[in-house]
Amino acid sequence: MSLKREVTILNSQGMHARPAMQVMKTSSRFQSTIKIHKGNQQVDAKSIMEVMTLEAVKGTVLTLEADGVDAAEALEALEQLIKNKFDEE
């Protein structure tokens, strides 16, 4: 079963290279398949190149989707990372 959670990018610089790397590293800790949706675009959260293509600026609403044994934990970790503004501010 797939779980979804909506998040908003809060940090002033958006999801540039360093936050994208944090998203990829956090996602890679989990067995679940993790996707990030922005409008009609869907990317693999475990791929730095794909995450960078989101061009998620401050205020962008993303949908996190995880499917697997640790899906709930994965979404929680990613949501906290984003809510904490990637520890930038």
N, C-alpha and C. Protein backbone atom coordinates (compact mmCIF):
# COMPACT_ATOMS: atom_id res chain seq x y z
N MET A 1 0.84 -1.19 0.00
CA MET A 1 0.00 0.00 0.00
C MET A 1 0.88 1.24 0.00
N SER A 2 0.50 2.16 -0.81
CA SER A 2 1.25 3.41 -0.96
C SER A 2 0.72 4.47 -0.01
N LEU A 3 1.64 5.18 0.65
CA LEU A 3 1.27 6.28 1.54
C LEU A 3 1.70 7.59 0.89
N LYS A 4 0.91 8.65 1.12
CA LYS A 4 1.24 9.96 0.55
C LYS A 4 1.18 11.03 1.62
N ARG A 5 1.98 12.06 1.43
CA ARG A 5 1.98 13.20 2.35
C ARG A 5 2.34 14.45 1.57
N GLU A 6 1.60 15.52 1.80
CA GLU A 6 1.86 16.78 1.11
C GLU A 6 2.74 17.67 1.99
N VAL A 7 3.74 18.28 1.38
CA VAL A 7 4.65 19.17 2.11
C VAL A 7 4.86 20.43 1.27
N THR A 8 5.25 21.50 1.95
CA THR A 8 5.54 22.77 1.28
C THR A 8 6.98 23.14 1.57
N ILE A 9 7.71 23.52 0.55
CA ILE A 9 9.09 23.96 0.71
C ILE A 9 9.06 25.31 1.43
N LEU A 10 9.74 25.40 2.57
CA LEU A 10 9.67 26.57 3.43
C LEU A 10 10.94 27.43 3.43
N ASN A 11 12.08 26.84 3.11
CA ASN A 11 13.32 27.61 3.20
C ASN A 11 13.42 28.59 2.03
N SER A 12 14.03 29.74 2.27
CA SER A 12 14.03 30.84 1.31
C SER A 12 14.71 30.50 -0.01
N GLN A 13 15.71 29.63 0.01
CA GLN A 13 16.43 29.30 -1.22
C GLN A 13 15.84 28.10 -1.97
N GLY A 14 14.78 27.50 -1.43
CA GLY A 14 14.17 26.36 -2.09
C GLY A 14 15.05 25.12 -2.01
N MET A 15 14.72 24.14 -2.83
CA MET A 15 15.47 22.89 -2.81
C MET A 15 16.59 22.95 -3.86
N HIS A 16 17.67 23.61 -3.48
CA HIS A 16 18.85 23.68 -4.34
C HIS A 16 19.70 22.43 -4.11
N ALA A 17 20.95 22.43 -4.53
CA ALA A 17 21.78 21.21 -4.52
C ALA A 17 21.92 20.56 -3.15
N ARG A 18 22.22 21.34 -2.10
CA ARG A 18 22.43 20.74 -0.78
C ARG A 18 21.15 20.10 -0.22
N PRO A 19 20.01 20.80 -0.24
CA PRO A 19 18.78 20.15 0.22
C PRO A 19 18.40 18.93 -0.63
N ALA A 20 18.62 19.02 -1.93
CA ALA A 20 18.32 17.87 -2.79
C ALA A 20 19.16 16.67 -2.39
N MET A 21 20.42 16.91 -2.05
CA MET A 21 21.30 15.84 -1.59
C MET A 21 20.79 15.26 -0.27
N GLN A 22 20.29 16.12 0.63
CA GLN A 22 19.75 15.64 1.90
C GLN A 22 18.52 14.77 1.67
N VAL A 23 17.68 15.18 0.73
CA VAL A 23 16.48 14.40 0.40
C VAL A 23 16.90 13.03 -0.12
N MET A 24 17.86 13.00 -1.02
CA MET A 24 18.34 11.74 -1.59
C MET A 24 18.95 10.85 -0.51
N LYS A 25 19.80 11.41 0.34
CA LYS A 25 20.44 10.62 1.40
C LYS A 25 19.42 10.09 2.40
N THR A 26 18.46 10.92 2.78
CA THR A 26 17.42 10.49 3.72
C THR A 26 16.60 9.38 3.09
N SER A 27 16.19 9.56 1.86
CA SER A 27 15.38 8.55 1.16
C SER A 27 16.11 7.22 1.04
N SER A 28 17.41 7.30 0.80
CA SER A 28 18.21 6.10 0.57
C SER A 28 18.37 5.24 1.82
N ARG A 29 18.05 5.79 3.00
CA ARG A 29 18.14 5.02 4.24
C ARG A 29 17.01 4.00 4.35
N PHE A 30 15.99 4.14 3.51
CA PHE A 30 14.79 3.31 3.63
C PHE A 30 14.68 2.33 2.48
N GLN A 31 14.05 1.17 2.76
CA GLN A 31 13.84 0.15 1.72
C GLN A 31 12.73 0.55 0.76
N SER A 32 11.77 1.32 1.23
CA SER A 32 10.61 1.67 0.42
C SER A 32 10.99 2.42 -0.85
N THR A 33 10.13 2.28 -1.85
CA THR A 33 10.23 3.09 -3.06
C THR A 33 9.65 4.46 -2.70
N ILE A 34 10.40 5.53 -2.99
CA ILE A 34 9.93 6.88 -2.62
C ILE A 34 9.94 7.76 -3.86
N LYS A 35 8.78 8.35 -4.12
CA LYS A 35 8.62 9.25 -5.26
C LYS A 35 8.23 10.63 -4.73
N ILE A 36 8.59 11.65 -5.49
CA ILE A 36 8.17 13.02 -5.18
C ILE A 36 7.42 13.53 -6.39
N HIS A 37 6.24 14.09 -6.13
CA HIS A 37 5.40 14.62 -7.21
C HIS A 37 5.33 16.14 -7.11
N LYS A 38 5.48 16.81 -8.24
CA LYS A 38 5.26 18.26 -8.35
C LYS A 38 4.42 18.45 -9.59
N GLY A 39 3.13 18.73 -9.40
CA GLY A 39 2.23 18.80 -10.54
C GLY A 39 2.19 17.45 -11.25
N ASN A 40 2.44 17.45 -12.54
CA ASN A 40 2.45 16.20 -13.32
C ASN A 40 3.80 15.52 -13.32
N GLN A 41 4.80 16.15 -12.70
CA GLN A 41 6.16 15.60 -12.69
C GLN A 41 6.32 14.63 -11.51
N GLN A 42 6.96 13.50 -11.77
CA GLN A 42 7.24 12.53 -10.71
C GLN A 42 8.71 12.14 -10.81
N VAL A 43 9.40 12.16 -9.66
CA VAL A 43 10.81 11.79 -9.65
C VAL A 43 11.09 10.78 -8.55
N ASP A 44 12.19 10.06 -8.71
CA ASP A 44 12.67 9.10 -7.72
C ASP A 44 13.45 9.88 -6.66
N ALA A 45 12.99 9.83 -5.42
CA ALA A 45 13.62 10.59 -4.33
C ALA A 45 15.03 10.09 -4.01
N LYS A 46 15.40 8.92 -4.50
CA LYS A 46 16.73 8.38 -4.24
C LYS A 46 17.73 8.74 -5.33
N SER A 47 17.30 9.57 -6.30
CA SER A 47 18.17 10.02 -7.39
C SER A 47 18.40 11.52 -7.29
N ILE A 48 19.64 11.92 -6.99
CA ILE A 48 19.95 13.35 -6.85
C ILE A 48 19.64 14.10 -8.14
N MET A 49 19.93 13.50 -9.28
CA MET A 49 19.68 14.17 -10.56
C MET A 49 18.19 14.41 -10.77
N GLU A 50 17.38 13.41 -10.44
CA GLU A 50 15.93 13.57 -10.60
C GLU A 50 15.36 14.59 -9.63
N VAL A 51 15.81 14.56 -8.38
CA VAL A 51 15.31 15.52 -7.37
C VAL A 51 15.65 16.95 -7.80
N MET A 52 16.83 17.15 -8.37
CA MET A 52 17.24 18.49 -8.82
C MET A 52 16.33 19.03 -9.93
N THR A 53 15.75 18.15 -10.73
CA THR A 53 14.89 18.61 -11.83
C THR A 53 13.56 19.20 -11.34
N LEU A 54 13.24 19.00 -10.07
CA LEU A 54 11.98 19.54 -9.54
C LEU A 54 11.97 21.06 -9.52
N GLU A 55 13.15 21.67 -9.36
CA GLU A 55 13.24 23.13 -9.26
C GLU A 55 12.20 23.66 -8.26
N ALA A 56 12.21 23.08 -7.06
CA ALA A 56 11.23 23.43 -6.03
C ALA A 56 11.67 24.66 -5.26
N VAL A 57 11.07 25.80 -5.57
CA VAL A 57 11.38 27.06 -4.89
C VAL A 57 10.51 27.18 -3.63
N LYS A 58 10.79 28.19 -2.82
CA LYS A 58 10.01 28.42 -1.61
C LYS A 58 8.53 28.52 -1.98
N GLY A 59 7.71 27.80 -1.22
CA GLY A 59 6.26 27.82 -1.46
C GLY A 59 5.77 26.69 -2.35
N THR A 60 6.68 25.96 -2.96
CA THR A 60 6.29 24.83 -3.81
C THR A 60 5.66 23.72 -2.97
N VAL A 61 4.52 23.23 -3.40
CA VAL A 61 3.87 22.11 -2.73
C VAL A 61 4.26 20.83 -3.44
N LEU A 62 4.79 19.90 -2.69
CA LEU A 62 5.20 18.60 -3.22
C LEU A 62 4.39 17.50 -2.54
N THR A 63 4.16 16.42 -3.25
CA THR A 63 3.54 15.24 -2.65
C THR A 63 4.60 14.16 -2.56
N LEU A 64 4.83 13.68 -1.35
CA LEU A 64 5.76 12.59 -1.11
C LEU A 64 4.95 11.30 -1.14
N GLU A 65 5.47 10.29 -1.82
CA GLU A 65 4.78 9.00 -1.89
C GLU A 65 5.78 7.90 -1.61
N ALA A 66 5.42 7.03 -0.68
CA ALA A 66 6.31 5.92 -0.32
C ALA A 66 5.51 4.63 -0.33
N ASP A 67 6.17 3.58 -0.81
CA ASP A 67 5.53 2.27 -0.89
C ASP A 67 6.54 1.22 -0.42
N GLY A 68 6.22 0.55 0.68
CA GLY A 68 7.12 -0.47 1.20
C GLY A 68 6.95 -0.66 2.69
N VAL A 69 7.80 -1.52 3.25
CA VAL A 69 7.68 -1.89 4.66
C VAL A 69 7.94 -0.73 5.62
N ASP A 70 8.77 0.23 5.21
CA ASP A 70 9.08 1.36 6.10
C ASP A 70 8.58 2.69 5.52
N ALA A 71 7.50 2.62 4.77
CA ALA A 71 6.96 3.81 4.08
C ALA A 71 6.60 4.93 5.06
N ALA A 72 5.93 4.60 6.16
CA ALA A 72 5.52 5.63 7.12
C ALA A 72 6.73 6.33 7.72
N GLU A 73 7.74 5.57 8.09
CA GLU A 73 8.95 6.14 8.67
C GLU A 73 9.69 7.02 7.66
N ALA A 74 9.71 6.58 6.42
CA ALA A 74 10.37 7.36 5.36
C ALA A 74 9.69 8.71 5.16
N LEU A 75 8.36 8.69 5.10
CA LEU A 75 7.63 9.95 4.91
C LEU A 75 7.82 10.88 6.09
N GLU A 76 7.83 10.32 7.30
CA GLU A 76 8.03 11.13 8.50
C GLU A 76 9.40 11.80 8.47
N ALA A 77 10.44 11.04 8.11
CA ALA A 77 11.80 11.59 8.07
C ALA A 77 11.91 12.69 7.02
N LEU A 78 11.33 12.49 5.86
CA LEU A 78 11.40 13.50 4.80
C LEU A 78 10.59 14.75 5.16
N GLU A 79 9.42 14.54 5.76
CA GLU A 79 8.60 15.68 6.15
C GLU A 79 9.34 16.54 7.19
N GLN A 80 9.97 15.91 8.17
CA GLN A 80 10.71 16.66 9.19
C GLN A 80 11.88 17.42 8.57
N LEU A 81 12.58 16.79 7.64
CA LEU A 81 13.69 17.45 6.95
C LEU A 81 13.21 18.73 6.26
N ILE A 82 12.08 18.64 5.58
CA ILE A 82 11.54 19.79 4.85
C ILE A 82 10.98 20.83 5.82
N LYS A 83 10.25 20.39 6.84
CA LYS A 83 9.72 21.33 7.84
C LYS A 83 10.82 22.07 8.57
N ASN A 84 11.96 21.43 8.77
CA ASN A 84 13.10 22.07 9.44
C ASN A 84 13.94 22.91 8.48
N LYS A 85 13.41 23.15 7.30
CA LYS A 85 14.08 24.00 6.29
C LYS A 85 15.47 23.50 5.96
N PHE A 86 15.64 22.18 5.96
CA PHE A 86 16.92 21.55 5.63
C PHE A 86 18.05 22.07 6.54
N ASP A 87 17.68 22.53 7.75
CA ASP A 87 18.62 23.07 8.73
C ASP A 87 19.44 24.24 8.17
N GLU A 88 18.81 25.02 7.29
CA GLU A 88 19.49 26.17 6.69
C GLU A 88 19.16 27.48 7.36
N GLU A 89 18.01 27.54 8.02
CA GLU A 89 17.57 28.83 8.59
C GLU A 89 17.26 28.71 10.05
